[in-house]
Amino acid sequence: MSDAASRYELSNNWFEMGARPVWDALIPSIKPARILEIGSFEGASVCYLIDKLGAQQALELHCVDTWEGGMEHAGLNMGAVEQRFDANVAKASAAAAHPVVVHKHKGYSDGQLAKLLVEGKAGYFDFAYVDGSHQAPDVLCDAVLAFRLLRVGGVVVFDDYIWGFGGAACDPLNAPKIAVDAFSTMYARKLAMLNAPCLQKYFQKTAN
C-alpha cells in the first residue's frame, strides 16, 4: 500500500490494485474540479483525489452510497465502513492546501442522482466514477444518469468491469460488464474510449 493510502483507515487495497495504476497518469492530465462518485465505501478513491488534486486547486466532490453494502459485502459491518469513510475524508480534507467540499449523499443512487439533476447539475461534473451496485440493471441506471450529470469533455470511469459475483459461473445480470457494454453501445456517438484495462473502462463524453 502506498504511503498516502497508509495514512487512512482502510480494510482492503481494492483501489490501490485496481484504479490507481491508471489514475496516477489520468488524474493529473485532466485535473477534475467537480467530481461525482457512485459507491464510496471507506473513501479510498475520494481521499486519493483530494490528496492528488487538493494541493493545486479547490475541489467539490459528491459521494453517493447507501453504506448498506451489496451481496458481496455480506457479513461486513457497514456501519463501521461508513465511520471510516467519514474519518478518512475529514482527514484528507483537513490536510488539503486548497478548499475541499465533500457532499455526502446517503441513499440509493437512482434517487440521489435524480435529485442532483433536479437541482440543476446536468452537465456539471468533470469526472464521474461509477462503482456502486454491481448488478447490471443498477449499473446501467447509474451510467445513464452519470452521463447526464457529466459535462461534455468530462470523463466517466466504470470499475470492476469484469467482476462477477460467484466468479466465472456468475449470473451476468449480477455483474457490471453487460451494462457497461450496453451503455457504451447505445452512447457510441457521444463517447470516446480513453483506456480499457481489464478491470475498468474509461470514456470521455464528446456530446450531449
C-alpha atoms as a PDB file:
ATOM      1  CA  MET A   1       0.000   0.000   0.000  1.00  0.00           C
ATOM      2  CA  SER A   2       1.290   3.488  -0.819  1.00  0.00           C
ATOM      3  CA  ASP A   3       2.482   5.952   1.835  1.00  0.00           C
ATOM      4  CA  ALA A   4      -0.562   8.171   1.154  1.00  0.00           C
ATOM      5  CA  ALA A   5      -3.027   5.308   1.469  1.00  0.00           C
ATOM      6  CA  SER A   6      -1.390   4.126   4.708  1.00  0.00           C
ATOM      7  CA  ARG A   7      -2.458   7.399   6.353  1.00  0.00           C
ATOM      8  CA  TYR A   8      -6.077   6.285   6.203  1.00  0.00           C
ATOM      9  CA  GLU A   9      -8.021   3.510   7.875  1.00  0.00           C
ATOM     10  CA  LEU A  10      -8.721   1.078   5.055  1.00  0.00           C
ATOM     11  CA  SER A  11      -9.637  -2.595   5.304  1.00  0.00           C
ATOM     12  CA  ASN A  12      -8.595  -3.510   1.752  1.00  0.00           C
ATOM     13  CA  ASN A  13      -6.379  -2.492  -1.175  1.00  0.00           C
ATOM     14  CA  TRP A  14      -9.015  -2.647  -3.935  1.00  0.00           C
ATOM     15  CA  PHE A  15      -8.371   0.891  -5.132  1.00  0.00           C
ATOM     16  CA  GLU A  16      -4.585   0.541  -4.970  1.00  0.00           C
ATOM     17  CA  MET A  17      -4.624  -2.633  -7.054  1.00  0.00           C
ATOM     18  CA  GLY A  18      -7.375  -1.626  -9.463  1.00  0.00           C
ATOM     19  CA  ALA A  19      -7.833   2.019 -10.369  1.00  0.00           C
ATOM     20  CA  ARG A  20      -4.714   3.684  -9.001  1.00  0.00           C
ATOM     21  CA  PRO A  21      -2.231   2.469 -11.660  1.00  0.00           C
ATOM     22  CA  VAL A  22      -4.329   4.222 -14.332  1.00  0.00           C
ATOM     23  CA  TRP A  23      -5.340   7.227 -12.228  1.00  0.00           C
ATOM     24  CA  ASP A  24      -1.726   8.166 -11.453  1.00  0.00           C
ATOM     25  CA  ALA A  25      -1.401   9.204 -15.102  1.00  0.00           C
ATOM     26  CA  LEU A  26      -5.005  10.154 -15.883  1.00  0.00           C
ATOM     27  CA  ILE A  27      -5.941  12.439 -12.986  1.00  0.00           C
ATOM     28  CA  PRO A  28      -3.029  14.923 -13.332  1.00  0.00           C
ATOM     29  CA  SER A  29      -3.768  15.200 -17.051  1.00  0.00           C
ATOM     30  CA  ILE A  30      -7.476  16.058 -16.702  1.00  0.00           C
ATOM     31  CA  LYS A  31      -7.399  17.869 -13.298  1.00  0.00           C
ATOM     32  CA  PRO A  32     -11.114  17.490 -12.468  1.00  0.00           C
ATOM     33  CA  ALA A  33     -12.511  20.051 -10.022  1.00  0.00           C
ATOM     34  CA  ARG A  34     -16.101  18.776  -9.778  1.00  0.00           C
ATOM     35  CA  ILE A  35     -16.228  15.067  -9.068  1.00  0.00           C
ATOM     36  CA  LEU A  36     -19.083  12.580  -8.752  1.00  0.00           C
ATOM     37  CA  GLU A  37     -18.530   9.198  -7.126  1.00  0.00           C
ATOM     38  CA  ILE A  38     -21.150   6.457  -7.060  1.00  0.00           C
ATOM     39  CA  GLY A  39     -20.101   3.928  -4.441  1.00  0.00           C
ATOM     40  CA  SER A  40     -17.676   5.309  -1.863  1.00  0.00           C
ATOM     41  CA  PHE A  41     -17.224   2.544   0.744  1.00  0.00           C
ATOM     42  CA  GLU A  42     -14.337   3.655   3.038  1.00  0.00           C
ATOM     43  CA  GLY A  43     -13.305   6.626   0.900  1.00  0.00           C
ATOM     44  CA  ALA A  44     -10.064   5.314  -0.607  1.00  0.00           C
ATOM     45  CA  SER A  45     -10.670   6.836  -4.043  1.00  0.00           C
ATOM     46  CA  VAL A  46     -12.028  10.129  -2.684  1.00  0.00           C
ATOM     47  CA  CYS A  47      -9.016  10.543  -0.401  1.00  0.00           C
ATOM     48  CA  TYR A  48      -6.714   9.795  -3.320  1.00  0.00           C
ATOM     49  CA  LEU A  49      -8.379  12.528  -5.376  1.00  0.00           C
ATOM     50  CA  ILE A  50      -8.194  15.018  -2.512  1.00  0.00           C
ATOM     51  CA  ASP A  51      -4.517  14.227  -1.936  1.00  0.00           C
ATOM     52  CA  LYS A  52      -3.694  14.378  -5.641  1.00  0.00           C
ATOM     53  CA  LEU A  53      -5.675  17.480  -6.593  1.00  0.00           C
ATOM     54  CA  GLY A  54      -6.250  19.424  -3.378  1.00  0.00           C
ATOM     55  CA  ALA A  55      -2.655  20.582  -3.303  1.00  0.00           C
ATOM     56  CA  GLN A  56      -3.227  22.506  -6.555  1.00  0.00           C
ATOM     57  CA  GLN A  57      -6.886  23.544  -6.713  1.00  0.00           C
ATOM     58  CA  ALA A  58     -10.223  23.774  -4.932  1.00  0.00           C
ATOM     59  CA  LEU A  59     -12.403  20.669  -5.163  1.00  0.00           C
ATOM     60  CA  GLU A  60     -16.079  19.825  -4.957  1.00  0.00           C
ATOM     61  CA  LEU A  61     -16.863  16.143  -4.532  1.00  0.00           C
ATOM     62  CA  HIS A  62     -20.236  14.407  -4.362  1.00  0.00           C
ATOM     63  CA  CYS A  63     -20.191  10.910  -2.864  1.00  0.00           C
ATOM     64  CA  VAL A  64     -23.237   8.662  -3.279  1.00  0.00           C
ATOM     65  CA  ASP A  65     -23.640   5.471  -1.269  1.00  0.00           C
ATOM     66  CA  THR A  66     -26.192   3.698   0.901  1.00  0.00           C
ATOM     67  CA  TRP A  67     -23.468   2.355   3.199  1.00  0.00           C
ATOM     68  CA  GLU A  68     -25.629  -0.761   3.408  1.00  0.00           C
ATOM     69  CA  GLY A  69     -23.433  -2.888   1.145  1.00  0.00           C
ATOM     70  CA  GLY A  70     -24.329  -5.258  -1.664  1.00  0.00           C
ATOM     71  CA  MET A  71     -24.469  -9.031  -1.936  1.00  0.00           C
ATOM     72  CA  GLU A  72     -20.681  -9.175  -1.975  1.00  0.00           C
ATOM     73  CA  HIS A  73     -20.500  -7.403   1.403  1.00  0.00           C
ATOM     74  CA  ALA A  74     -22.456  -9.965   3.402  1.00  0.00           C
ATOM     75  CA  GLY A  75     -21.094 -10.206   6.928  1.00  0.00           C
ATOM     76  CA  LEU A  76     -19.355  -6.810   6.856  1.00  0.00           C
ATOM     77  CA  ASN A  77     -20.107  -4.203   9.494  1.00  0.00           C
ATOM     78  CA  MET A  78     -21.234  -1.477   7.125  1.00  0.00           C
ATOM     79  CA  GLY A  79     -21.756   0.965   9.974  1.00  0.00           C
ATOM     80  CA  ALA A  80     -18.041   0.744  10.685  1.00  0.00           C
ATOM     81  CA  VAL A  81     -17.303   1.148   6.973  1.00  0.00           C
ATOM     82  CA  GLU A  82     -19.282   4.397   6.928  1.00  0.00           C
ATOM     83  CA  GLN A  83     -17.484   5.646  10.034  1.00  0.00           C
ATOM     84  CA  ARG A  84     -14.148   5.001   8.337  1.00  0.00           C
ATOM     85  CA  PHE A  85     -15.358   6.904   5.268  1.00  0.00           C
ATOM     86  CA  ASP A  86     -16.283   9.915   7.401  1.00  0.00           C
ATOM     87  CA  ALA A  87     -12.977   9.871   9.286  1.00  0.00           C
ATOM     88  CA  ASN A  88     -10.821   9.326   6.202  1.00  0.00           C
ATOM     89  CA  VAL A  89     -12.489  12.089   4.188  1.00  0.00           C
ATOM     90  CA  ALA A  90     -12.301  14.529   7.103  1.00  0.00           C
ATOM     91  CA  LYS A  91      -8.583  13.794   7.481  1.00  0.00           C
ATOM     92  CA  ALA A  92      -7.852  14.223   3.766  1.00  0.00           C
ATOM     93  CA  SER A  93      -9.890  17.427   3.507  1.00  0.00           C
ATOM     94  CA  ALA A  94      -8.196  18.977   6.540  1.00  0.00           C
ATOM     95  CA  ALA A  95      -4.762  18.312   5.054  1.00  0.00           C
ATOM     96  CA  ALA A  96      -5.526  19.804   1.612  1.00  0.00           C
ATOM     97  CA  ALA A  97      -3.882  23.097   0.726  1.00  0.00           C
ATOM     98  CA  HIS A  98      -6.945  24.361  -1.127  1.00  0.00           C
ATOM     99  CA  PRO A  99     -10.638  24.298  -0.102  1.00  0.00           C
ATOM    100  CA  VAL A 100     -12.297  20.904  -0.384  1.00  0.00           C
ATOM    101  CA  VAL A 101     -16.075  20.490  -0.118  1.00  0.00           C
ATOM    102  CA  VAL A 102     -17.388  16.939   0.124  1.00  0.00           C
ATOM    103  CA  HIS A 103     -21.138  16.390  -0.212  1.00  0.00           C
ATOM    104  CA  LYS A 104     -22.242  13.040   1.214  1.00  0.00           C
ATOM    105  CA  HIS A 105     -25.419  11.723  -0.439  1.00  0.00           C
ATOM    106  CA  LYS A 106     -26.623   8.748   1.589  1.00  0.00           C
ATOM    107  CA  GLY A 107     -29.197   6.733  -0.295  1.00  0.00           C
ATOM    108  CA  TYR A 108     -29.784   4.677  -3.412  1.00  0.00           C
ATOM    109  CA  SER A 109     -28.003   6.098  -6.423  1.00  0.00           C
ATOM    110  CA  ASP A 110     -31.036   6.361  -8.717  1.00  0.00           C
ATOM    111  CA  GLY A 111     -32.787   8.718  -6.314  1.00  0.00           C
ATOM    112  CA  GLN A 112     -29.674  10.657  -5.329  1.00  0.00           C
ATOM    113  CA  LEU A 113     -28.539  11.222  -8.913  1.00  0.00           C
ATOM    114  CA  ALA A 114     -32.047  12.239  -9.949  1.00  0.00           C
ATOM    115  CA  LYS A 115     -32.011  14.825  -7.141  1.00  0.00           C
ATOM    116  CA  LEU A 116     -28.754  16.257  -8.497  1.00  0.00           C
ATOM    117  CA  LEU A 117     -30.373  16.603 -11.922  1.00  0.00           C
ATOM    118  CA  VAL A 118     -33.403  18.323 -10.389  1.00  0.00           C
ATOM    119  CA  GLU A 119     -31.023  20.682  -8.583  1.00  0.00           C
ATOM    120  CA  GLY A 120     -29.652  21.823 -11.952  1.00  0.00           C
ATOM    121  CA  LYS A 121     -26.453  19.816 -12.083  1.00  0.00           C
ATOM    122  CA  ALA A 122     -26.879  18.389 -15.578  1.00  0.00           C
ATOM    123  CA  GLY A 123     -23.548  18.779 -17.351  1.00  0.00           C
ATOM    124  CA  TYR A 124     -21.921  19.870 -14.082  1.00  0.00           C
ATOM    125  CA  PHE A 125     -19.231  17.308 -13.310  1.00  0.00           C
ATOM    126  CA  ASP A 126     -15.755  16.932 -14.784  1.00  0.00           C
ATOM    127  CA  PHE A 127     -15.272  13.349 -13.610  1.00  0.00           C
ATOM    128  CA  ALA A 128     -17.646  10.530 -12.642  1.00  0.00           C
ATOM    129  CA  TYR A 129     -16.587   7.271 -11.013  1.00  0.00           C
ATOM    130  CA  VAL A 130     -19.207   4.517 -11.198  1.00  0.00           C
ATOM    131  CA  ASP A 131     -18.506   1.864  -8.564  1.00  0.00           C
ATOM    132  CA  GLY A 132     -21.816   1.342  -6.771  1.00  0.00           C
ATOM    133  CA  SER A 133     -24.138  -1.645  -7.061  1.00  0.00           C
ATOM    134  CA  HIS A 134     -22.598  -4.252  -9.365  1.00  0.00           C
ATOM    135  CA  GLN A 135     -25.923  -5.673 -10.536  1.00  0.00           C
ATOM    136  CA  ALA A 136     -26.320  -4.965 -14.237  1.00  0.00           C
ATOM    137  CA  PRO A 137     -29.657  -3.073 -14.122  1.00  0.00           C
ATOM    138  CA  ASP A 138     -28.290  -0.776 -11.399  1.00  0.00           C
ATOM    139  CA  VAL A 139     -25.034  -0.187 -13.289  1.00  0.00           C
ATOM    140  CA  LEU A 140     -26.931   0.768 -16.436  1.00  0.00           C
ATOM    141  CA  CYS A 141     -29.108   3.211 -14.483  1.00  0.00           C
ATOM    142  CA  ASP A 142     -26.018   4.753 -12.861  1.00  0.00           C
ATOM    143  CA  ALA A 143     -24.324   5.030 -16.254  1.00  0.00           C
ATOM    144  CA  VAL A 144     -27.201   6.865 -17.915  1.00  0.00           C
ATOM    145  CA  LEU A 145     -27.700   9.290 -15.022  1.00  0.00           C
ATOM    146  CA  ALA A 146     -23.964   9.909 -14.644  1.00  0.00           C
ATOM    147  CA  PHE A 147     -23.775  10.699 -18.363  1.00  0.00           C
ATOM    148  CA  ARG A 148     -26.466  13.370 -17.902  1.00  0.00           C
ATOM    149  CA  LEU A 149     -24.577  14.870 -14.976  1.00  0.00           C
ATOM    150  CA  LEU A 150     -21.215  14.895 -16.782  1.00  0.00           C
ATOM    151  CA  ARG A 151     -20.125  17.867 -18.864  1.00  0.00           C
ATOM    152  CA  VAL A 152     -19.025  17.482 -22.475  1.00  0.00           C
ATOM    153  CA  GLY A 153     -15.315  16.718 -22.262  1.00  0.00           C
ATOM    154  CA  GLY A 154     -15.710  15.080 -18.855  1.00  0.00           C
ATOM    155  CA  VAL A 155     -14.565  11.542 -18.093  1.00  0.00           C
ATOM    156  CA  VAL A 156     -16.620   8.641 -16.730  1.00  0.00           C
ATOM    157  CA  VAL A 157     -14.954   5.563 -15.240  1.00  0.00           C
ATOM    158  CA  PHE A 158     -16.573   2.178 -14.632  1.00  0.00           C
ATOM    159  CA  ASP A 159     -14.869  -0.017 -12.064  1.00  0.00           C
ATOM    160  CA  ASP A 160     -14.939  -3.810 -11.764  1.00  0.00           C
ATOM    161  CA  TYR A 161     -15.794  -4.264 -15.440  1.00  0.00           C
ATOM    162  CA  ILE A 162     -15.030  -7.989 -15.439  1.00  0.00           C
ATOM    163  CA  TRP A 163     -16.017  -8.665 -11.828  1.00  0.00           C
ATOM    164  CA  GLY A 164     -18.752 -11.210 -11.207  1.00  0.00           C
ATOM    165  CA  PHE A 165     -20.404 -12.427  -8.028  1.00  0.00           C
ATOM    166  CA  GLY A 166     -19.510 -16.098  -7.804  1.00  0.00           C
ATOM    167  CA  GLY A 167     -16.574 -15.937 -10.219  1.00  0.00           C
ATOM    168  CA  ALA A 168     -16.648 -17.395 -13.712  1.00  0.00           C
ATOM    169  CA  ALA A 169     -20.010 -19.060 -13.156  1.00  0.00           C
ATOM    170  CA  CYS A 170     -21.759 -15.857 -12.081  1.00  0.00           C
ATOM    171  CA  ASP A 171     -25.103 -14.722 -13.418  1.00  0.00           C
ATOM    172  CA  PRO A 172     -24.217 -11.987 -15.981  1.00  0.00           C
ATOM    173  CA  LEU A 173     -27.038  -9.855 -14.572  1.00  0.00           C
ATOM    174  CA  ASN A 174     -25.160  -9.777 -11.267  1.00  0.00           C
ATOM    175  CA  ALA A 175     -22.097  -8.219 -12.890  1.00  0.00           C
ATOM    176  CA  PRO A 176     -21.290  -4.811 -14.443  1.00  0.00           C
ATOM    177  CA  LYS A 177     -19.962  -5.912 -17.847  1.00  0.00           C
ATOM    178  CA  ILE A 178     -23.232  -6.379 -19.724  1.00  0.00           C
ATOM    179  CA  ALA A 179     -24.458  -2.970 -18.520  1.00  0.00           C
ATOM    180  CA  VAL A 180     -21.253  -1.121 -19.397  1.00  0.00           C
ATOM    181  CA  ASP A 181     -21.247  -2.742 -22.842  1.00  0.00           C
ATOM    182  CA  ALA A 182     -24.892  -1.785 -23.406  1.00  0.00           C
ATOM    183  CA  PHE A 183     -24.252   1.801 -22.301  1.00  0.00           C
ATOM    184  CA  SER A 184     -21.155   2.245 -24.464  1.00  0.00           C
ATOM    185  CA  THR A 185     -23.001   0.798 -27.467  1.00  0.00           C
ATOM    186  CA  MET A 186     -26.077   2.998 -27.084  1.00  0.00           C
ATOM    187  CA  TYR A 187     -23.988   6.132 -26.493  1.00  0.00           C
ATOM    188  CA  ALA A 188     -21.267   5.266 -29.024  1.00  0.00           C
ATOM    189  CA  ARG A 189     -21.740   8.544 -30.929  1.00  0.00           C
ATOM    190  CA  LYS A 190     -21.385  10.576 -27.733  1.00  0.00           C
ATOM    191  CA  LEU A 191     -18.391   8.835 -26.152  1.00  0.00           C
ATOM    192  CA  ALA A 192     -14.732   8.210 -26.886  1.00  0.00           C
ATOM    193  CA  MET A 193     -12.939   5.349 -25.155  1.00  0.00           C
ATOM    194  CA  LEU A 194      -9.811   6.557 -23.370  1.00  0.00           C
ATOM    195  CA  ASN A 195      -8.492   3.444 -21.714  1.00  0.00           C
ATOM    196  CA  ALA A 196      -9.624  -0.131 -21.343  1.00  0.00           C
ATOM    197  CA  PRO A 197      -7.635  -2.094 -18.776  1.00  0.00           C
ATOM    198  CA  CYS A 198      -9.328  -5.346 -17.875  1.00  0.00           C
ATOM    199  CA  LEU A 199     -10.660  -4.070 -14.547  1.00  0.00           C
ATOM    200  CA  GLN A 200     -12.052  -0.690 -15.668  1.00  0.00           C
ATOM    201  CA  LYS A 201     -13.471   1.145 -18.666  1.00  0.00           C
ATOM    202  CA  TYR A 202     -12.786   4.853 -19.292  1.00  0.00           C
ATOM    203  CA  PHE A 203     -14.794   7.113 -21.586  1.00  0.00           C
ATOM    204  CA  GLN A 204     -14.780  10.813 -22.428  1.00  0.00           C
ATOM    205  CA  LYS A 205     -18.125  12.458 -23.132  1.00  0.00           C
ATOM    206  CA  THR A 206     -17.965  14.058 -26.573  1.00  0.00           C
ATOM    207  CA  ALA A 207     -21.575  15.255 -26.974  1.00  0.00           C
ATOM    208  CA  ASN A 208     -24.836  15.661 -25.067  1.00  0.00           C
END
